[in-house]
N, C-alpha and C. Protein backbone atom coordinates (compact mmCIF):
# COMPACT_ATOMS: atom_id res chain seq x y z
N MET A 1 93.99 92.52 118.86
CA MET A 1 95.03 91.63 119.21
C MET A 1 96.16 92.35 119.86
N ASP A 2 96.60 91.84 120.97
CA ASP A 2 97.76 92.40 121.67
C ASP A 2 99.08 92.04 120.94
N CYS A 3 100.04 92.96 121.03
CA CYS A 3 101.32 92.69 120.44
C CYS A 3 102.16 91.82 121.34
N PRO A 4 102.83 90.91 120.81
CA PRO A 4 103.75 90.03 121.58
C PRO A 4 105.02 90.77 121.91
N GLU A 5 105.15 91.25 123.20
CA GLU A 5 106.21 92.13 123.61
C GLU A 5 107.59 91.56 123.56
N GLU A 6 107.78 90.27 123.83
CA GLU A 6 109.08 89.72 123.88
C GLU A 6 109.71 89.45 122.53
N PHE A 7 108.87 89.50 121.49
CA PHE A 7 109.39 89.17 120.13
C PHE A 7 109.79 90.44 119.37
N ARG A 8 110.75 90.32 118.49
CA ARG A 8 111.22 91.45 117.71
C ARG A 8 111.16 91.19 116.23
N VAL A 9 111.13 89.89 115.82
CA VAL A 9 111.28 89.56 114.40
C VAL A 9 110.19 88.50 114.03
N PHE A 10 109.47 88.74 112.91
CA PHE A 10 108.54 87.75 112.42
C PHE A 10 109.12 87.14 111.19
N VAL A 11 109.08 85.82 111.09
CA VAL A 11 109.62 85.09 109.93
C VAL A 11 108.39 84.64 109.07
N ASP A 12 108.37 85.08 107.83
CA ASP A 12 107.26 84.84 106.87
C ASP A 12 107.00 83.34 106.70
N ALA A 13 105.76 83.06 106.34
CA ALA A 13 105.35 81.68 106.11
C ALA A 13 106.15 80.97 105.09
N ASN A 14 106.72 81.64 104.12
CA ASN A 14 107.53 81.03 103.07
C ASN A 14 108.85 80.47 103.67
N LEU A 15 109.15 80.82 104.92
CA LEU A 15 110.37 80.35 105.60
C LEU A 15 109.98 79.67 106.93
N THR A 16 108.88 78.96 106.94
CA THR A 16 108.37 78.38 108.17
C THR A 16 109.39 77.47 108.86
N ALA A 17 109.99 76.55 108.15
CA ALA A 17 110.98 75.65 108.79
C ALA A 17 112.19 76.44 109.33
N LEU A 18 112.61 77.45 108.59
CA LEU A 18 113.71 78.31 109.08
C LEU A 18 113.24 79.07 110.28
N GLY A 19 112.00 79.56 110.32
CA GLY A 19 111.48 80.29 111.48
C GLY A 19 111.43 79.43 112.71
N SER A 20 111.08 78.17 112.61
CA SER A 20 111.08 77.26 113.70
C SER A 20 112.49 77.08 114.24
N TRP A 21 113.42 76.90 113.32
CA TRP A 21 114.81 76.76 113.72
C TRP A 21 115.35 78.02 114.41
N LEU A 22 115.00 79.18 113.83
CA LEU A 22 115.50 80.45 114.44
C LEU A 22 114.92 80.66 115.82
N ALA A 23 113.67 80.26 116.07
CA ALA A 23 113.05 80.49 117.38
C ALA A 23 113.74 79.61 118.43
N THR A 24 114.37 78.49 118.05
CA THR A 24 115.08 77.70 119.03
C THR A 24 116.47 78.32 119.28
N ARG A 25 116.96 79.09 118.33
CA ARG A 25 118.28 79.77 118.49
C ARG A 25 118.15 81.09 119.21
N ASP A 26 117.05 81.80 118.98
CA ASP A 26 116.87 83.16 119.54
C ASP A 26 115.39 83.35 119.82
N PRO A 27 115.00 83.53 121.11
CA PRO A 27 113.60 83.59 121.45
C PRO A 27 112.91 84.89 120.94
N ARG A 28 113.61 85.78 120.31
CA ARG A 28 112.96 86.96 119.74
C ARG A 28 112.28 86.71 118.40
N PHE A 29 112.50 85.50 117.85
CA PHE A 29 111.90 85.17 116.55
C PHE A 29 110.54 84.51 116.73
N LEU A 30 109.60 85.03 115.94
CA LEU A 30 108.23 84.56 115.95
C LEU A 30 107.85 84.05 114.56
N HIS A 31 107.13 82.97 114.46
CA HIS A 31 106.80 82.46 113.13
C HIS A 31 105.40 81.82 113.17
N ILE A 32 104.84 81.62 111.99
CA ILE A 32 103.57 80.92 111.92
C ILE A 32 103.75 79.54 112.45
N GLY A 33 102.83 79.16 113.29
CA GLY A 33 102.91 77.85 113.98
C GLY A 33 103.46 78.00 115.43
N HIS A 34 104.09 79.17 115.71
CA HIS A 34 104.53 79.41 117.07
C HIS A 34 103.35 79.60 117.95
N SER A 35 103.39 79.15 119.19
CA SER A 35 102.23 79.21 120.04
C SER A 35 101.80 80.64 120.40
N ASP A 36 102.68 81.58 120.23
CA ASP A 36 102.33 82.96 120.47
C ASP A 36 101.92 83.75 119.21
N TRP A 37 101.85 83.13 118.08
CA TRP A 37 101.43 83.82 116.86
C TRP A 37 99.94 83.87 116.86
N PRO A 38 99.30 85.10 116.88
CA PRO A 38 97.91 85.25 117.03
C PRO A 38 97.02 85.05 115.75
N LEU A 39 97.63 85.10 114.58
CA LEU A 39 96.89 85.02 113.36
C LEU A 39 96.86 83.58 112.80
N SER A 40 95.90 83.33 111.96
CA SER A 40 95.84 82.01 111.34
C SER A 40 96.97 81.85 110.33
N ALA A 41 97.31 80.63 110.06
CA ALA A 41 98.39 80.31 109.09
C ALA A 41 98.07 80.81 107.69
N ASP A 42 96.80 80.91 107.40
CA ASP A 42 96.43 81.38 106.04
C ASP A 42 96.01 82.82 105.97
N ALA A 43 96.37 83.60 107.01
CA ALA A 43 96.01 85.03 106.98
C ALA A 43 96.65 85.68 105.76
N PRO A 44 95.88 86.58 105.11
CA PRO A 44 96.41 87.29 103.96
C PRO A 44 97.64 88.11 104.34
N ASP A 45 98.50 88.28 103.38
CA ASP A 45 99.78 88.99 103.61
C ASP A 45 99.52 90.38 104.19
N GLU A 46 98.49 91.03 103.72
CA GLU A 46 98.18 92.38 104.20
C GLU A 46 97.83 92.35 105.71
N ASP A 47 97.16 91.31 106.14
CA ASP A 47 96.75 91.22 107.57
C ASP A 47 98.00 91.05 108.44
N TRP A 48 98.83 90.08 108.12
CA TRP A 48 100.00 89.85 109.00
C TRP A 48 100.97 91.03 108.91
N LEU A 49 101.10 91.66 107.75
CA LEU A 49 101.96 92.82 107.63
C LEU A 49 101.44 94.01 108.45
N ASP A 50 100.10 94.21 108.50
CA ASP A 50 99.49 95.22 109.32
C ASP A 50 99.79 94.89 110.83
N PHE A 51 99.63 93.67 111.23
CA PHE A 51 99.87 93.26 112.62
C PHE A 51 101.34 93.48 112.98
N VAL A 52 102.22 92.96 112.11
CA VAL A 52 103.68 93.16 112.35
C VAL A 52 104.07 94.60 112.44
N GLY A 53 103.52 95.43 111.51
CA GLY A 53 103.82 96.83 111.51
C GLY A 53 103.30 97.55 112.72
N ARG A 54 102.10 97.27 113.13
CA ARG A 54 101.50 97.81 114.31
C ARG A 54 102.29 97.50 115.58
N CYS A 55 102.86 96.30 115.61
CA CYS A 55 103.59 95.81 116.80
C CYS A 55 105.08 96.19 116.72
N GLY A 56 105.51 96.81 115.63
CA GLY A 56 106.91 97.26 115.55
C GLY A 56 107.89 96.10 115.34
N LEU A 57 107.43 95.02 114.75
CA LEU A 57 108.35 93.91 114.49
C LEU A 57 109.07 94.09 113.17
N ALA A 58 110.27 93.50 113.08
CA ALA A 58 110.98 93.44 111.82
C ALA A 58 110.51 92.10 111.18
N VAL A 59 110.88 91.91 109.88
CA VAL A 59 110.52 90.66 109.23
C VAL A 59 111.69 90.09 108.48
N LEU A 60 111.65 88.74 108.37
CA LEU A 60 112.61 87.99 107.55
C LEU A 60 111.69 87.35 106.53
N ILE A 61 111.90 87.62 105.24
CA ILE A 61 111.03 87.08 104.19
C ILE A 61 111.92 86.51 103.08
N ARG A 62 111.22 85.77 102.21
CA ARG A 62 111.87 85.24 101.05
C ARG A 62 111.86 86.26 99.93
N ASP A 63 112.63 86.05 98.88
CA ASP A 63 112.83 87.03 97.85
C ASP A 63 111.64 87.25 96.92
N ARG A 64 110.58 86.56 97.10
CA ARG A 64 109.42 86.70 96.22
C ARG A 64 108.30 87.55 96.81
N TYR A 65 108.64 88.80 97.23
CA TYR A 65 107.60 89.66 97.76
C TYR A 65 106.91 90.38 96.61
N ARG A 66 105.67 90.61 96.79
CA ARG A 66 104.87 91.29 95.70
C ARG A 66 104.76 92.80 95.96
N THR A 67 104.22 93.46 94.98
CA THR A 67 104.09 94.95 95.08
C THR A 67 103.25 95.32 96.28
N ARG A 68 102.13 94.64 96.54
CA ARG A 68 101.32 95.03 97.68
C ARG A 68 101.96 94.77 99.00
N GLU A 69 102.81 93.70 99.09
CA GLU A 69 103.58 93.42 100.31
C GLU A 69 104.59 94.60 100.53
N LYS A 70 105.28 94.95 99.45
CA LYS A 70 106.21 96.06 99.54
C LYS A 70 105.59 97.33 99.97
N ALA A 71 104.38 97.57 99.52
CA ALA A 71 103.65 98.78 99.93
C ALA A 71 103.35 98.76 101.41
N LYS A 72 102.99 97.58 101.97
CA LYS A 72 102.74 97.48 103.40
C LYS A 72 104.00 97.65 104.22
N LEU A 73 105.11 97.12 103.71
CA LEU A 73 106.36 97.28 104.39
C LEU A 73 106.67 98.77 104.48
N ARG A 74 106.49 99.49 103.39
CA ARG A 74 106.77 100.92 103.35
C ARG A 74 105.77 101.67 104.24
N GLU A 75 104.49 101.36 104.15
CA GLU A 75 103.46 102.04 104.92
C GLU A 75 103.75 102.01 106.46
N HIS A 76 104.22 100.85 106.92
CA HIS A 76 104.47 100.66 108.33
C HIS A 76 105.92 100.95 108.75
N GLY A 77 106.78 101.22 107.78
CA GLY A 77 108.22 101.45 108.11
C GLY A 77 108.89 100.21 108.68
N ILE A 78 108.50 99.07 108.16
CA ILE A 78 109.07 97.80 108.67
C ILE A 78 110.46 97.54 108.10
N THR A 79 111.33 97.12 108.99
CA THR A 79 112.67 96.72 108.58
C THR A 79 112.55 95.28 108.12
N ALA A 80 112.93 95.03 106.87
CA ALA A 80 112.81 93.68 106.32
C ALA A 80 114.19 93.20 105.81
N VAL A 81 114.46 91.95 106.16
CA VAL A 81 115.66 91.29 105.58
C VAL A 81 115.07 90.22 104.65
N VAL A 82 115.41 90.33 103.37
CA VAL A 82 114.93 89.45 102.34
C VAL A 82 116.04 88.43 102.00
N VAL A 83 115.74 87.13 102.14
CA VAL A 83 116.69 86.12 101.68
C VAL A 83 116.66 86.16 100.18
N ALA A 84 117.65 86.88 99.60
CA ALA A 84 117.69 87.21 98.20
C ALA A 84 118.78 86.41 97.49
N VAL A 85 118.51 85.18 97.20
CA VAL A 85 119.50 84.38 96.51
C VAL A 85 118.88 83.95 95.16
N SER A 86 119.72 83.51 94.27
CA SER A 86 119.28 83.22 92.92
C SER A 86 118.49 81.93 92.72
N ARG A 87 118.41 81.14 93.76
CA ARG A 87 117.65 79.86 93.72
C ARG A 87 117.05 79.60 95.08
N ASN A 88 116.08 78.66 95.12
CA ASN A 88 115.56 78.22 96.38
C ASN A 88 116.58 77.49 97.11
N LEU A 89 116.72 77.75 98.39
CA LEU A 89 117.69 77.05 99.26
C LEU A 89 117.01 75.97 100.07
N THR A 90 117.74 74.91 100.35
CA THR A 90 117.20 73.94 101.30
C THR A 90 117.28 74.51 102.68
N LEU A 91 116.66 73.87 103.62
CA LEU A 91 116.73 74.37 105.02
C LEU A 91 118.15 74.40 105.50
N ALA A 92 118.92 73.41 105.23
CA ALA A 92 120.34 73.35 105.67
C ALA A 92 121.08 74.53 105.03
N GLU A 93 120.82 74.82 103.77
CA GLU A 93 121.53 75.96 103.13
C GLU A 93 121.09 77.28 103.75
N GLN A 94 119.77 77.42 104.05
CA GLN A 94 119.27 78.66 104.72
C GLN A 94 119.96 78.77 106.07
N GLN A 95 120.06 77.70 106.85
CA GLN A 95 120.68 77.76 108.10
C GLN A 95 122.11 78.17 108.03
N ARG A 96 122.87 77.61 107.05
CA ARG A 96 124.28 78.02 106.88
C ARG A 96 124.41 79.52 106.54
N LEU A 97 123.49 79.99 105.65
CA LEU A 97 123.53 81.36 105.28
C LEU A 97 123.27 82.32 106.46
N ILE A 98 122.25 81.95 107.25
CA ILE A 98 121.92 82.71 108.47
C ILE A 98 123.08 82.68 109.46
N ALA A 99 123.65 81.50 109.71
CA ALA A 99 124.71 81.38 110.69
C ALA A 99 125.91 82.18 110.23
N GLU A 100 126.26 82.17 108.96
CA GLU A 100 127.39 82.90 108.43
C GLU A 100 127.27 84.43 108.62
N HIS A 101 126.06 84.92 108.55
CA HIS A 101 125.85 86.38 108.64
C HIS A 101 125.04 86.77 109.84
N TRP A 102 125.04 85.94 110.85
CA TRP A 102 124.14 86.13 112.07
C TRP A 102 124.26 87.50 112.62
N ASP A 103 125.42 87.99 112.95
CA ASP A 103 125.61 89.30 113.63
C ASP A 103 125.02 90.40 112.75
N ALA A 104 125.27 90.44 111.47
CA ALA A 104 124.80 91.48 110.61
C ALA A 104 123.24 91.36 110.52
N ILE A 105 122.68 90.17 110.49
CA ILE A 105 121.27 90.00 110.41
C ILE A 105 120.59 90.52 111.65
N ILE A 106 121.12 90.15 112.80
CA ILE A 106 120.52 90.61 114.10
C ILE A 106 120.64 92.09 114.24
N ASP A 107 121.80 92.69 113.87
CA ASP A 107 121.97 94.12 113.96
C ASP A 107 120.94 94.81 113.05
N THR A 108 120.73 94.30 111.90
CA THR A 108 119.77 94.93 110.93
C THR A 108 118.35 94.78 111.44
N LEU A 109 117.96 93.55 111.84
CA LEU A 109 116.58 93.30 112.26
C LEU A 109 116.21 93.99 113.58
N THR A 110 117.15 94.23 114.46
CA THR A 110 116.79 94.76 115.75
C THR A 110 117.15 96.23 115.91
N GLY A 111 117.82 96.82 114.92
CA GLY A 111 118.16 98.18 115.08
C GLY A 111 118.53 98.88 113.77
N GLY A 112 118.26 98.20 112.70
CA GLY A 112 118.63 98.70 111.38
C GLY A 112 117.71 99.76 110.85
N VAL A 113 118.15 100.33 109.75
CA VAL A 113 117.37 101.33 109.08
C VAL A 113 116.09 100.73 108.51
N PRO A 114 114.94 101.33 108.75
CA PRO A 114 113.73 100.81 108.13
C PRO A 114 113.90 100.83 106.60
N GLY A 115 113.64 99.68 106.04
CA GLY A 115 113.77 99.51 104.58
C GLY A 115 113.90 98.05 104.25
N ILE A 116 114.23 97.79 103.03
CA ILE A 116 114.41 96.47 102.54
C ILE A 116 115.93 96.16 102.41
N HIS A 117 116.34 95.17 103.12
CA HIS A 117 117.76 94.76 103.14
C HIS A 117 117.80 93.40 102.50
N HIS A 118 118.78 93.13 101.67
CA HIS A 118 118.96 91.82 101.06
C HIS A 118 120.02 91.04 101.72
N LEU A 119 119.70 89.78 102.06
CA LEU A 119 120.74 88.86 102.53
C LEU A 119 121.13 87.94 101.40
N THR A 120 122.40 88.02 101.08
CA THR A 120 122.94 87.17 100.00
C THR A 120 124.17 86.45 100.59
N THR A 121 124.77 85.67 99.81
CA THR A 121 126.00 84.98 100.27
C THR A 121 127.12 85.92 100.68
N SER A 122 127.03 87.13 100.24
CA SER A 122 128.09 88.14 100.55
C SER A 122 127.73 88.98 101.76
N GLY A 123 126.52 88.80 102.30
CA GLY A 123 126.13 89.55 103.52
C GLY A 123 124.78 90.26 103.41
N VAL A 124 124.60 91.23 104.31
CA VAL A 124 123.36 91.97 104.35
C VAL A 124 123.65 93.39 103.78
N ARG A 125 122.73 93.78 102.82
CA ARG A 125 122.94 95.06 102.16
C ARG A 125 121.62 95.80 102.08
N LEU A 126 121.64 97.07 102.43
CA LEU A 126 120.42 97.89 102.30
C LEU A 126 120.14 98.15 100.82
N MET A 127 118.91 97.84 100.42
CA MET A 127 118.54 98.02 99.03
C MET A 127 117.64 99.21 98.82
N GLU A 128 116.75 99.46 99.83
CA GLU A 128 115.77 100.54 99.68
C GLU A 128 115.33 101.05 101.01
N THR A 129 115.36 102.32 101.24
CA THR A 129 114.85 102.91 102.46
C THR A 129 113.45 103.50 102.16
N TYR A 130 112.74 103.80 103.20
CA TYR A 130 111.38 104.40 103.07
C TYR A 130 111.40 105.86 103.41
């Protein structure tokens, strides 16, 4: 599979509605269901993480990542921003959180330190480097 050159950030399936909204706001965002996403919607996490890592994309994911996902992030040196809040947010709440910290999110996803960054109501914070 060829890497999608114009995209820089993949939004995890757990944030599909947010990914669709982000793609309308910034064409660098790619999500499951996007016409340029080459994998099936039910591709295992390891498969899409391998693809994203090989293509040099950053990721926006929800706070419930598992050990094997974390290992793939580390293996590929993927920059990840994790929506790390204490409860599930509605789409409107996710949109407000993203809009409030847009510049920091974009800076992190497009040129940040490879590692896991947490997005909370107080901003983006590096939690772990590889």
